[in-house]
Full PDB file with SEQRES, HELIX, SHEET, SSBOND, CRYST1, ORIGX, SCALE, CONECT and MASTER records, all heavy atoms in Angstrom:
SEQRES   1 A   36  THR ARG GLN THR VAL SER PHE ASP SER VAL LEU ASP ARG          
SEQRES   2 A   36  SER LEU SER ALA PRO ALA VAL ARG ILE LYS THR ILE GLY          
SEQRES   3 A   36  ARG ASP ASN THR PRO PHE LYS VAL GLU HIS                      
SHEET    1 AA1 2 GLN A   3  ASP A  12  0                                        
SHEET    2 AA1 2 ALA A  17  ARG A  27 -1                                        
CRYST1    1.000    1.000    1.000  90.00  90.00  90.00 P 1           1          
ORIGX1      1.000000  0.000000  0.000000        0.00000                         
ORIGX2      0.000000  1.000000  0.000000        0.00000                         
ORIGX3      0.000000  0.000000  1.000000        0.00000                         
SCALE1      1.000000  0.000000  0.000000        0.00000                         
SCALE2      0.000000  1.000000  0.000000        0.00000                         
SCALE3      0.000000  0.000000  1.000000        0.00000                         
ATOM      1  N   THR A   1     -19.725  -3.884 -24.391  1.00  0.00           N  
ATOM      2  CA  THR A   1     -20.257  -4.580 -23.225  1.00  0.00           C  
ATOM      3  C   THR A   1     -19.162  -4.714 -22.176  1.00  0.00           C  
ATOM      4  O   THR A   1     -18.058  -5.167 -22.487  1.00  0.00           O  
ATOM      5  CB  THR A   1     -20.770  -5.983 -23.608  1.00  0.00           C  
ATOM      6  OG1 THR A   1     -21.749  -5.852 -24.637  1.00  0.00           O  
ATOM      7  CG2 THR A   1     -21.388  -6.681 -22.413  1.00  0.00           C  
ATOM      8  N   ARG A   2     -19.479  -4.316 -20.961  1.00  0.00           N  
ATOM      9  CA  ARG A   2     -18.518  -4.380 -19.855  1.00  0.00           C  
ATOM     10  C   ARG A   2     -18.023  -5.812 -19.656  1.00  0.00           C  
ATOM     11  O   ARG A   2     -18.797  -6.759 -19.696  1.00  0.00           O  
ATOM     12  CB  ARG A   2     -19.188  -3.893 -18.575  1.00  0.00           C  
ATOM     13  CG  ARG A   2     -18.304  -3.965 -17.357  1.00  0.00           C  
ATOM     14  CD  ARG A   2     -19.047  -3.436 -16.123  1.00  0.00           C  
ATOM     15  NE  ARG A   2     -18.165  -3.435 -14.994  1.00  0.00           N  
ATOM     16  CZ  ARG A   2     -18.158  -4.372 -14.046  1.00  0.00           C  
ATOM     17  NH1 ARG A   2     -19.016  -5.374 -14.094  1.00  0.00           N  
ATOM     18  NH2 ARG A   2     -17.310  -4.312 -13.045  1.00  0.00           N  
ATOM     19  N   GLN A   3     -16.711  -5.944 -19.442  1.00  0.00           N  
ATOM     20  CA  GLN A   3     -16.122  -7.252 -19.181  1.00  0.00           C  
ATOM     21  C   GLN A   3     -15.945  -7.446 -17.679  1.00  0.00           C  
ATOM     22  O   GLN A   3     -15.755  -6.490 -16.938  1.00  0.00           O  
ATOM     23  CB  GLN A   3     -14.749  -7.364 -19.855  1.00  0.00           C  
ATOM     24  CG  GLN A   3     -14.818  -7.300 -21.360  1.00  0.00           C  
ATOM     25  CD  GLN A   3     -13.433  -7.439 -21.966  1.00  0.00           C  
ATOM     26  OE1 GLN A   3     -12.586  -8.157 -21.465  1.00  0.00           O  
ATOM     27  NE2 GLN A   3     -13.214  -6.738 -23.055  1.00  0.00           N  
ATOM     28  N   THR A   4     -16.030  -8.684 -17.256  1.00  0.00           N  
ATOM     29  CA  THR A   4     -15.829  -9.033 -15.850  1.00  0.00           C  
ATOM     30  C   THR A   4     -14.760 -10.118 -15.756  1.00  0.00           C  
ATOM     31  O   THR A   4     -14.538 -10.865 -16.709  1.00  0.00           O  
ATOM     32  CB  THR A   4     -17.128  -9.547 -15.206  1.00  0.00           C  
ATOM     33  OG1 THR A   4     -17.567 -10.710 -15.917  1.00  0.00           O  
ATOM     34  CG2 THR A   4     -18.227  -8.493 -15.230  1.00  0.00           C  
ATOM     35  N   VAL A   5     -14.117 -10.187 -14.600  1.00  0.00           N  
ATOM     36  CA  VAL A   5     -13.084 -11.194 -14.362  1.00  0.00           C  
ATOM     37  C   VAL A   5     -13.511 -12.027 -13.169  1.00  0.00           C  
ATOM     38  O   VAL A   5     -13.936 -11.490 -12.148  1.00  0.00           O  
ATOM     39  CB  VAL A   5     -11.722 -10.527 -14.056  1.00  0.00           C  
ATOM     40  CG1 VAL A   5     -10.666 -11.572 -13.752  1.00  0.00           C  
ATOM     41  CG2 VAL A   5     -11.287  -9.651 -15.212  1.00  0.00           C  
ATOM     42  N   SER A   6     -13.410 -13.345 -13.294  1.00  0.00           N  
ATOM     43  CA  SER A   6     -13.653 -14.213 -12.139  1.00  0.00           C  
ATOM     44  C   SER A   6     -12.413 -15.064 -11.905  1.00  0.00           C  
ATOM     45  O   SER A   6     -11.729 -15.475 -12.841  1.00  0.00           O  
ATOM     46  CB  SER A   6     -14.896 -15.075 -12.343  1.00  0.00           C  
ATOM     47  OG  SER A   6     -14.807 -15.823 -13.512  1.00  0.00           O  
ATOM     48  N   PHE A   7     -12.137 -15.279 -10.625  1.00  0.00           N  
ATOM     49  CA  PHE A   7     -10.935 -16.003 -10.211  1.00  0.00           C  
ATOM     50  C   PHE A   7     -11.285 -17.398  -9.752  1.00  0.00           C  
ATOM     51  O   PHE A   7     -12.425 -17.695  -9.414  1.00  0.00           O  
ATOM     52  CB  PHE A   7     -10.241 -15.260  -9.058  1.00  0.00           C  
ATOM     53  CG  PHE A   7      -9.844 -13.859  -9.403  1.00  0.00           C  
ATOM     54  CD1 PHE A   7     -10.570 -12.782  -8.934  1.00  0.00           C  
ATOM     55  CD2 PHE A   7      -8.738 -13.617 -10.192  1.00  0.00           C  
ATOM     56  CE1 PHE A   7     -10.205 -11.491  -9.242  1.00  0.00           C  
ATOM     57  CE2 PHE A   7      -8.360 -12.324 -10.511  1.00  0.00           C  
ATOM     58  CZ  PHE A   7      -9.103 -11.255 -10.027  1.00  0.00           C  
ATOM     59  N   ASP A   8     -10.264 -18.228  -9.713  1.00  0.00           N  
ATOM     60  CA  ASP A   8     -10.423 -19.590  -9.231  1.00  0.00           C  
ATOM     61  C   ASP A   8      -9.199 -19.944  -8.405  1.00  0.00           C  
ATOM     62  O   ASP A   8      -8.081 -19.542  -8.731  1.00  0.00           O  
ATOM     63  CB  ASP A   8     -10.554 -20.548 -10.423  1.00  0.00           C  
ATOM     64  CG  ASP A   8     -11.089 -21.901 -10.039  1.00  0.00           C  
ATOM     65  OD1 ASP A   8     -11.625 -22.042  -8.918  1.00  0.00           O  
ATOM     66  OD2 ASP A   8     -10.984 -22.825 -10.866  1.00  0.00           O  
ATOM     67  N   SER A   9      -9.408 -20.682  -7.325  1.00  0.00           N  
ATOM     68  CA  SER A   9      -8.307 -21.159  -6.511  1.00  0.00           C  
ATOM     69  C   SER A   9      -7.934 -22.544  -7.013  1.00  0.00           C  
ATOM     70  O   SER A   9      -8.792 -23.406  -7.173  1.00  0.00           O  
ATOM     71  CB  SER A   9      -8.732 -21.221  -5.042  1.00  0.00           C  
ATOM     72  OG  SER A   9      -7.687 -21.712  -4.254  1.00  0.00           O  
ATOM     73  N   VAL A  10      -6.654 -22.728  -7.278  1.00  0.00           N  
ATOM     74  CA  VAL A  10      -6.170 -24.013  -7.779  1.00  0.00           C  
ATOM     75  C   VAL A  10      -5.039 -24.508  -6.893  1.00  0.00           C  
ATOM     76  O   VAL A  10      -4.365 -23.722  -6.226  1.00  0.00           O  
ATOM     77  CB  VAL A  10      -5.675 -23.906  -9.245  1.00  0.00           C  
ATOM     78  CG1 VAL A  10      -6.813 -23.589 -10.176  1.00  0.00           C  
ATOM     79  CG2 VAL A  10      -4.575 -22.891  -9.380  1.00  0.00           C  
ATOM     80  N   LEU A  11      -4.825 -25.784  -6.904  1.00  0.00           N  
ATOM     81  CA  LEU A  11      -3.741 -26.373  -6.135  1.00  0.00           C  
ATOM     82  C   LEU A  11      -2.524 -26.513  -7.039  1.00  0.00           C  
ATOM     83  O   LEU A  11      -2.584 -27.183  -8.068  1.00  0.00           O  
ATOM     84  CB  LEU A  11      -4.150 -27.742  -5.581  1.00  0.00           C  
ATOM     85  CG  LEU A  11      -3.076 -28.469  -4.773  1.00  0.00           C  
ATOM     86  CD1 LEU A  11      -2.749 -27.689  -3.499  1.00  0.00           C  
ATOM     87  CD2 LEU A  11      -3.523 -29.870  -4.427  1.00  0.00           C  
ATOM     88  N   ASP A  12      -1.442 -25.853  -6.649  1.00  0.00           N  
ATOM     89  CA  ASP A  12      -0.175 -26.009  -7.357  1.00  0.00           C  
ATOM     90  C   ASP A  12       0.454 -27.290  -6.838  1.00  0.00           C  
ATOM     91  O   ASP A  12       0.969 -27.339  -5.730  1.00  0.00           O  
ATOM     92  CB  ASP A  12       0.722 -24.802  -7.092  1.00  0.00           C  
ATOM     93  CG  ASP A  12       1.993 -24.834  -7.923  1.00  0.00           C  
ATOM     94  OD1 ASP A  12       2.443 -25.944  -8.296  1.00  0.00           O  
ATOM     95  OD2 ASP A  12       2.538 -23.757  -8.194  1.00  0.00           O  
ATOM     96  N   ARG A  13       0.371 -28.346  -7.618  1.00  0.00           N  
ATOM     97  CA  ARG A  13       0.815 -29.667  -7.160  1.00  0.00           C  
ATOM     98  C   ARG A  13       2.318 -29.719  -6.877  1.00  0.00           C  
ATOM     99  O   ARG A  13       2.761 -30.461  -6.015  1.00  0.00           O  
ATOM    100  CB  ARG A  13       0.419 -30.725  -8.171  1.00  0.00           C  
ATOM    101  CG  ARG A  13      -1.096 -30.848  -8.295  1.00  0.00           C  
ATOM    102  CD  ARG A  13      -1.498 -32.135  -8.974  1.00  0.00           C  
ATOM    103  NE  ARG A  13      -2.908 -32.172  -9.279  1.00  0.00           N  
ATOM    104  CZ  ARG A  13      -3.867 -32.393  -8.407  1.00  0.00           C  
ATOM    105  NH1 ARG A  13      -3.586 -32.562  -7.151  1.00  0.00           N  
ATOM    106  NH2 ARG A  13      -5.134 -32.429  -8.777  1.00  0.00           N  
ATOM    107  N   SER A  14       3.102 -28.929  -7.590  1.00  0.00           N  
ATOM    108  CA  SER A  14       4.544 -28.945  -7.343  1.00  0.00           C  
ATOM    109  C   SER A  14       4.893 -28.346  -5.980  1.00  0.00           C  
ATOM    110  O   SER A  14       5.910 -28.676  -5.395  1.00  0.00           O  
ATOM    111  CB  SER A  14       5.284 -28.199  -8.449  1.00  0.00           C  
ATOM    112  OG  SER A  14       4.935 -26.827  -8.430  1.00  0.00           O  
ATOM    113  N   LEU A  15       4.006 -27.473  -5.475  1.00  0.00           N  
ATOM    114  CA  LEU A  15       4.250 -26.843  -4.178  1.00  0.00           C  
ATOM    115  C   LEU A  15       3.346 -27.375  -3.075  1.00  0.00           C  
ATOM    116  O   LEU A  15       3.558 -27.085  -1.907  1.00  0.00           O  
ATOM    117  CB  LEU A  15       4.012 -25.331  -4.282  1.00  0.00           C  
ATOM    118  CG  LEU A  15       4.876 -24.554  -5.254  1.00  0.00           C  
ATOM    119  CD1 LEU A  15       4.383 -23.133  -5.375  1.00  0.00           C  
ATOM    120  CD2 LEU A  15       6.316 -24.579  -4.805  1.00  0.00           C  
ATOM    121  N   SER A  16       2.321 -28.108  -3.467  1.00  0.00           N  
ATOM    122  CA  SER A  16       1.268 -28.512  -2.533  1.00  0.00           C  
ATOM    123  C   SER A  16       0.707 -27.297  -1.810  1.00  0.00           C  
ATOM    124  O   SER A  16       0.485 -27.306  -0.604  1.00  0.00           O  
ATOM    125  CB  SER A  16       1.788 -29.537  -1.523  1.00  0.00           C  
ATOM    126  OG  SER A  16       2.170 -30.717  -2.181  1.00  0.00           O  
ATOM    127  N   ALA A  17       0.490 -26.239  -2.576  1.00  0.00           N  
ATOM    128  CA  ALA A  17      -0.008 -24.976  -2.023  1.00  0.00           C  
ATOM    129  C   ALA A  17      -1.053 -24.388  -2.967  1.00  0.00           C  
ATOM    130  O   ALA A  17      -1.019 -24.638  -4.174  1.00  0.00           O  
ATOM    131  CB  ALA A  17       1.139 -23.999  -1.849  1.00  0.00           C  
ATOM    132  N   PRO A  18      -1.970 -23.604  -2.415  1.00  0.00           N  
ATOM    133  CA  PRO A  18      -2.992 -22.985  -3.270  1.00  0.00           C  
ATOM    134  C   PRO A  18      -2.415 -21.825  -4.078  1.00  0.00           C  
ATOM    135  O   PRO A  18      -1.449 -21.184  -3.666  1.00  0.00           O  
ATOM    136  CB  PRO A  18      -4.034 -22.488  -2.277  1.00  0.00           C  
ATOM    137  CG  PRO A  18      -3.267 -22.248  -1.021  1.00  0.00           C  
ATOM    138  CD  PRO A  18      -2.178 -23.271  -1.008  1.00  0.00           C  
ATOM    139  N   ALA A  19      -3.000 -21.587  -5.209  1.00  0.00           N  
ATOM    140  CA  ALA A  19      -2.637 -20.448  -6.055  1.00  0.00           C  
ATOM    141  C   ALA A  19      -3.924 -19.908  -6.663  1.00  0.00           C  
ATOM    142  O   ALA A  19      -4.976 -20.548  -6.585  1.00  0.00           O  
ATOM    143  CB  ALA A  19      -1.657 -20.874  -7.142  1.00  0.00           C  
ATOM    144  N   VAL A  20      -3.837 -18.740  -7.254  1.00  0.00           N  
ATOM    145  CA  VAL A  20      -5.009 -18.138  -7.879  1.00  0.00           C  
ATOM    146  C   VAL A  20      -4.771 -18.073  -9.384  1.00  0.00           C  
ATOM    147  O   VAL A  20      -3.636 -17.945  -9.843  1.00  0.00           O  
ATOM    148  CB  VAL A  20      -5.303 -16.732  -7.297  1.00  0.00           C  
ATOM    149  CG1 VAL A  20      -4.198 -15.759  -7.626  1.00  0.00           C  
ATOM    150  CG2 VAL A  20      -6.637 -16.208  -7.769  1.00  0.00           C  
ATOM    151  N   ARG A  21      -5.856 -18.219 -10.126  1.00  0.00           N  
ATOM    152  CA  ARG A  21      -5.773 -18.070 -11.582  1.00  0.00           C  
ATOM    153  C   ARG A  21      -7.048 -17.430 -12.076  1.00  0.00           C  
ATOM    154  O   ARG A  21      -8.058 -17.388 -11.369  1.00  0.00           O  
ATOM    155  CB  ARG A  21      -5.542 -19.407 -12.268  1.00  0.00           C  
ATOM    156  CG  ARG A  21      -6.731 -20.335 -12.224  1.00  0.00           C  
ATOM    157  CD  ARG A  21      -6.469 -21.603 -13.030  1.00  0.00           C  
ATOM    158  NE  ARG A  21      -7.518 -22.560 -12.833  1.00  0.00           N  
ATOM    159  CZ  ARG A  21      -8.611 -22.669 -13.619  1.00  0.00           C  
ATOM    160  NH1 ARG A  21      -8.752 -21.874 -14.633  1.00  0.00           N  
ATOM    161  NH2 ARG A  21      -9.526 -23.575 -13.369  1.00  0.00           N  
ATOM    162  N   ILE A  22      -7.012 -16.933 -13.294  1.00  0.00           N  
ATOM    163  CA  ILE A  22      -8.195 -16.360 -13.918  1.00  0.00           C  
ATOM    164  C   ILE A  22      -9.073 -17.509 -14.380  1.00  0.00           C  
ATOM    165  O   ILE A  22      -8.629 -18.378 -15.126  1.00  0.00           O  
ATOM    166  CB  ILE A  22      -7.818 -15.469 -15.123  1.00  0.00           C  
ATOM    167  CG1 ILE A  22      -6.925 -14.317 -14.694  1.00  0.00           C  
ATOM    168  CG2 ILE A  22      -9.060 -14.966 -15.834  1.00  0.00           C  
ATOM    169  CD1 ILE A  22      -7.569 -13.325 -13.775  1.00  0.00           C  
ATOM    170  N   LYS A  23     -10.302 -17.539 -13.893  1.00  0.00           N  
ATOM    171  CA  LYS A  23     -11.244 -18.582 -14.307  1.00  0.00           C  
ATOM    172  C   LYS A  23     -11.849 -18.206 -15.654  1.00  0.00           C  
ATOM    173  O   LYS A  23     -11.795 -18.990 -16.599  1.00  0.00           O  
ATOM    174  CB  LYS A  23     -12.332 -18.740 -13.244  1.00  0.00           C  
ATOM    175  CG  LYS A  23     -13.301 -19.854 -13.510  1.00  0.00           C  
ATOM    176  CD  LYS A  23     -14.287 -19.986 -12.365  1.00  0.00           C  
ATOM    177  CE  LYS A  23     -15.255 -21.124 -12.591  1.00  0.00           C  
ATOM    178  NZ  LYS A  23     -16.201 -21.247 -11.465  1.00  0.00           N  
ATOM    179  N   THR A  24     -12.429 -17.011 -15.724  1.00  0.00           N  
ATOM    180  CA  THR A  24     -13.019 -16.544 -16.983  1.00  0.00           C  
ATOM    181  C   THR A  24     -12.955 -15.028 -17.071  1.00  0.00           C  
ATOM    182  O   THR A  24     -12.922 -14.339 -16.059  1.00  0.00           O  
ATOM    183  CB  THR A  24     -14.518 -16.936 -17.122  1.00  0.00           C  
ATOM    184  OG1 THR A  24     -15.242 -16.381 -16.028  1.00  0.00           O  
ATOM    185  CG2 THR A  24     -14.713 -18.421 -17.181  1.00  0.00           C  
ATOM    186  N   ILE A  25     -12.938 -14.548 -18.288  1.00  0.00           N  
ATOM    187  CA  ILE A  25     -13.190 -13.140 -18.568  1.00  0.00           C  
ATOM    188  C   ILE A  25     -14.517 -13.145 -19.299  1.00  0.00           C  
ATOM    189  O   ILE A  25     -14.609 -13.625 -20.428  1.00  0.00           O  
ATOM    190  CB  ILE A  25     -12.076 -12.505 -19.409  1.00  0.00           C  
ATOM    191  CG1 ILE A  25     -10.766 -12.535 -18.635  1.00  0.00           C  
ATOM    192  CG2 ILE A  25     -12.448 -11.077 -19.795  1.00  0.00           C  
ATOM    193  CD1 ILE A  25      -9.582 -11.994 -19.389  1.00  0.00           C  
ATOM    194  N   GLY A  26     -15.538 -12.682 -18.599  1.00  0.00           N  
ATOM    195  CA  GLY A  26     -16.887 -12.769 -19.137  1.00  0.00           C  
ATOM    196  C   GLY A  26     -17.463 -11.407 -19.499  1.00  0.00           C  
ATOM    197  O   GLY A  26     -16.775 -10.392 -19.495  1.00  0.00           O  
ATOM    198  N   ARG A  27     -18.725 -11.421 -19.786  1.00  0.00           N  
ATOM    199  CA  ARG A  27     -19.472 -10.213 -20.149  1.00  0.00           C  
ATOM    200  C   ARG A  27     -20.519  -9.926 -19.084  1.00  0.00           C  
ATOM    201  O   ARG A  27     -21.173 -10.841 -18.581  1.00  0.00           O  
ATOM    202  CB  ARG A  27     -20.184 -10.397 -21.493  1.00  0.00           C  
ATOM    203  CG  ARG A  27     -19.257 -10.746 -22.630  1.00  0.00           C  
ATOM    204  CD  ARG A  27     -18.764  -9.510 -23.275  1.00  0.00           C  
ATOM    205  NE  ARG A  27     -17.848  -9.841 -24.373  1.00  0.00           N  
ATOM    206  CZ  ARG A  27     -16.942  -9.014 -24.798  1.00  0.00           C  
ATOM    207  NH1 ARG A  27     -16.813  -7.845 -24.244  1.00  0.00           N  
ATOM    208  NH2 ARG A  27     -16.153  -9.353 -25.782  1.00  0.00           N  
ATOM    209  N   ASP A  28     -20.673  -8.660 -18.747  1.00  0.00           N  
ATOM    210  CA  ASP A  28     -21.680  -8.233 -17.786  1.00  0.00           C  
ATOM    211  C   ASP A  28     -23.041  -8.202 -18.493  1.00  0.00           C  
ATOM    212  O   ASP A  28     -23.167  -7.620 -19.567  1.00  0.00           O  
ATOM    213  CB  ASP A  28     -21.314  -6.844 -17.264  1.00  0.00           C  
ATOM    214  CG  ASP A  28     -22.208  -6.363 -16.145  1.00  0.00           C  
ATOM    215  OD1 ASP A  28     -23.243  -7.003 -15.876  1.00  0.00           O  
ATOM    216  OD2 ASP A  28     -21.874  -5.332 -15.534  1.00  0.00           O  
ATOM    217  N   ASN A  29     -24.037  -8.818 -17.893  1.00  0.00           N  
ATOM    218  CA  ASN A  29     -25.366  -8.893 -18.515  1.00  0.00           C  
ATOM    219  C   ASN A  29     -26.272  -7.733 -18.132  1.00  0.00           C  
ATOM    220  O   ASN A  29     -27.463  -7.749 -18.462  1.00  0.00           O  
ATOM    221  CB  ASN A  29     -26.046 -10.214 -18.148  1.00  0.00           C  
ATOM    222  CG  ASN A  29     -25.348 -11.398 -18.771  1.00  0.00           C  
ATOM    223  OD1 ASN A  29     -24.805 -11.295 -19.867  1.00  0.00           O  
ATOM    224  ND2 ASN A  29     -25.343 -12.513 -18.080  1.00  0.00           N  
ATOM    225  N   THR A  30     -25.739  -6.727 -17.446  1.00  0.00           N  
ATOM    226  CA  THR A  30     -26.533  -5.555 -17.088  1.00  0.00           C  
ATOM    227  C   THR A  30     -27.045  -4.904 -18.366  1.00  0.00           C  
ATOM    228  O   THR A  30     -26.302  -4.779 -19.343  1.00  0.00           O  
ATOM    229  CB  THR A  30     -25.663  -4.543 -16.306  1.00  0.00           C  
ATOM    230  OG1 THR A  30     -25.082  -5.210 -15.194  1.00  0.00           O  
ATOM    231  CG2 THR A  30     -26.474  -3.361 -15.836  1.00  0.00           C  
ATOM    232  N   PRO A  31     -28.304  -4.474 -18.380  1.00  0.00           N  
ATOM    233  CA  PRO A  31     -28.841  -3.849 -19.605  1.00  0.00           C  
ATOM    234  C   PRO A  31     -28.085  -2.573 -19.978  1.00  0.00           C  
ATOM    235  O   PRO A  31     -27.549  -1.875 -19.114  1.00  0.00           O  
ATOM    236  CB  PRO A  31     -30.290  -3.514 -19.243  1.00  0.00           C  
ATOM    237  CG  PRO A  31     -30.570  -4.169 -17.955  1.00  0.00           C  
ATOM    238  CD  PRO A  31     -29.290  -4.546 -17.322  1.00  0.00           C  
ATOM    239  N   PHE A  32     -28.068  -2.289 -21.261  1.00  0.00           N  
ATOM    240  CA  PHE A  32     -27.442  -1.064 -21.734  1.00  0.00           C  
ATOM    241  C   PHE A  32     -28.287   0.137 -21.333  1.00  0.00           C  
ATOM    242  O   PHE A  32     -29.506   0.042 -21.218  1.00  0.00           O  
ATOM    243  CB  PHE A  32     -27.299  -1.081 -23.262  1.00  0.00           C  
ATOM    244  CG  PHE A  32     -26.422  -2.184 -23.771  1.00  0.00           C  
ATOM    245  CD1 PHE A  32     -26.927  -3.142 -24.629  1.00  0.00           C  
ATOM    246  CD2 PHE A  32     -25.092  -2.261 -23.399  1.00  0.00           C  
ATOM    247  CE1 PHE A  32     -26.119  -4.159 -25.107  1.00  0.00           C  
ATOM    248  CE2 PHE A  32     -24.274  -3.274 -23.867  1.00  0.00           C  
ATOM    249  CZ  PHE A  32     -24.797  -4.225 -24.724  1.00  0.00           C  
ATOM    250  N   LYS A  33     -27.625   1.268 -21.162  1.00  0.00           N  
ATOM    251  CA  LYS A  33     -28.336   2.516 -20.919  1.00  0.00           C  
ATOM    252  C   LYS A  33     -28.836   3.018 -22.268  1.00  0.00           C  
ATOM    253  O   LYS A  33     -28.175   2.833 -23.290  1.00  0.00           O  
ATOM    254  CB  LYS A  33     -27.408   3.555 -20.293  1.00  0.00           C  
ATOM    255  CG  LYS A  33     -26.796   3.110 -18.985  1.00  0.00           C  
ATOM    256  CD  LYS A  33     -25.689   4.070 -18.572  1.00  0.00           C  
ATOM    257  CE  LYS A  33     -24.805   3.400 -17.545  1.00  0.00           C  
ATOM    258  NZ  LYS A  33     -23.535   4.068 -17.382  1.00  0.00           N  
ATOM    259  N   VAL A  34     -29.998   3.639 -22.274  1.00  0.00           N  
ATOM    260  CA  VAL A  34     -30.543   4.193 -23.513  1.00  0.00           C  
ATOM    261  C   VAL A  34     -30.731   5.688 -23.290  1.00  0.00           C  
ATOM    262  O   VAL A  34     -31.277   6.119 -22.280  1.00  0.00           O  
ATOM    263  CB  VAL A  34     -31.886   3.524 -23.895  1.00  0.00           C  
ATOM    264  CG1 VAL A  34     -32.445   4.153 -25.154  1.00  0.00           C  
ATOM    265  CG2 VAL A  34     -31.696   2.028 -24.081  1.00  0.00           C  
ATOM    266  N   GLU A  35     -30.255   6.475 -24.258  1.00  0.00           N  
ATOM    267  CA  GLU A  35     -30.288   7.930 -24.126  1.00  0.00           C  
ATOM    268  C   GLU A  35     -30.785   8.540 -25.429  1.00  0.00           C  
ATOM    269  O   GLU A  35     -30.452   8.059 -26.510  1.00  0.00           O  
ATOM    270  CB  GLU A  35     -28.872   8.412 -23.807  1.00  0.00           C  
ATOM    271  CG  GLU A  35     -28.743   9.875 -23.518  1.00  0.00           C  
ATOM    272  CD  GLU A  35     -27.310  10.219 -23.158  1.00  0.00           C  
ATOM    273  OE1 GLU A  35     -26.870   9.865 -22.052  1.00  0.00           O  
ATOM    274  OE2 GLU A  35     -26.624  10.828 -24.001  1.00  0.00           O  
ATOM    275  N   HIS A  36     -31.571   9.596 -25.301  1.00  0.00           N  
ATOM    276  CA  HIS A  36     -32.024  10.308 -26.491  1.00  0.00           C  
ATOM    277  C   HIS A  36     -30.948  11.314 -26.866  1.00  0.00           C  
ATOM    278  O   HIS A  36     -30.728  12.292 -26.164  1.00  0.00           O  
ATOM    279  CB  HIS A  36     -33.357  11.012 -26.224  1.00  0.00           C  
ATOM    280  CG  HIS A  36     -33.969  11.575 -27.467  1.00  0.00           C  
ATOM    281  ND1 HIS A  36     -33.784  12.874 -27.858  1.00  0.00           N  
ATOM    282  CD2 HIS A  36     -34.735  10.993 -28.426  1.00  0.00           C  
ATOM    283  CE1 HIS A  36     -34.421  13.080 -28.990  1.00  0.00           C  
ATOM    284  NE2 HIS A  36     -35.003  11.956 -29.359  1.00  0.00           N  
TER     285      HIS A  36                                                      
MASTER        0    0    0    0    2    0    0    6  284    1    0    3          
END                                                                             
């Protein structure tokens, strides 16, 4: 199953500045292909 990555913006309190982090590594719910 294909994996997906979603990001989140967080506040780095030591810098009082925004930063980015990985929110989740999830699964794509797109249906599987079926082949004969």
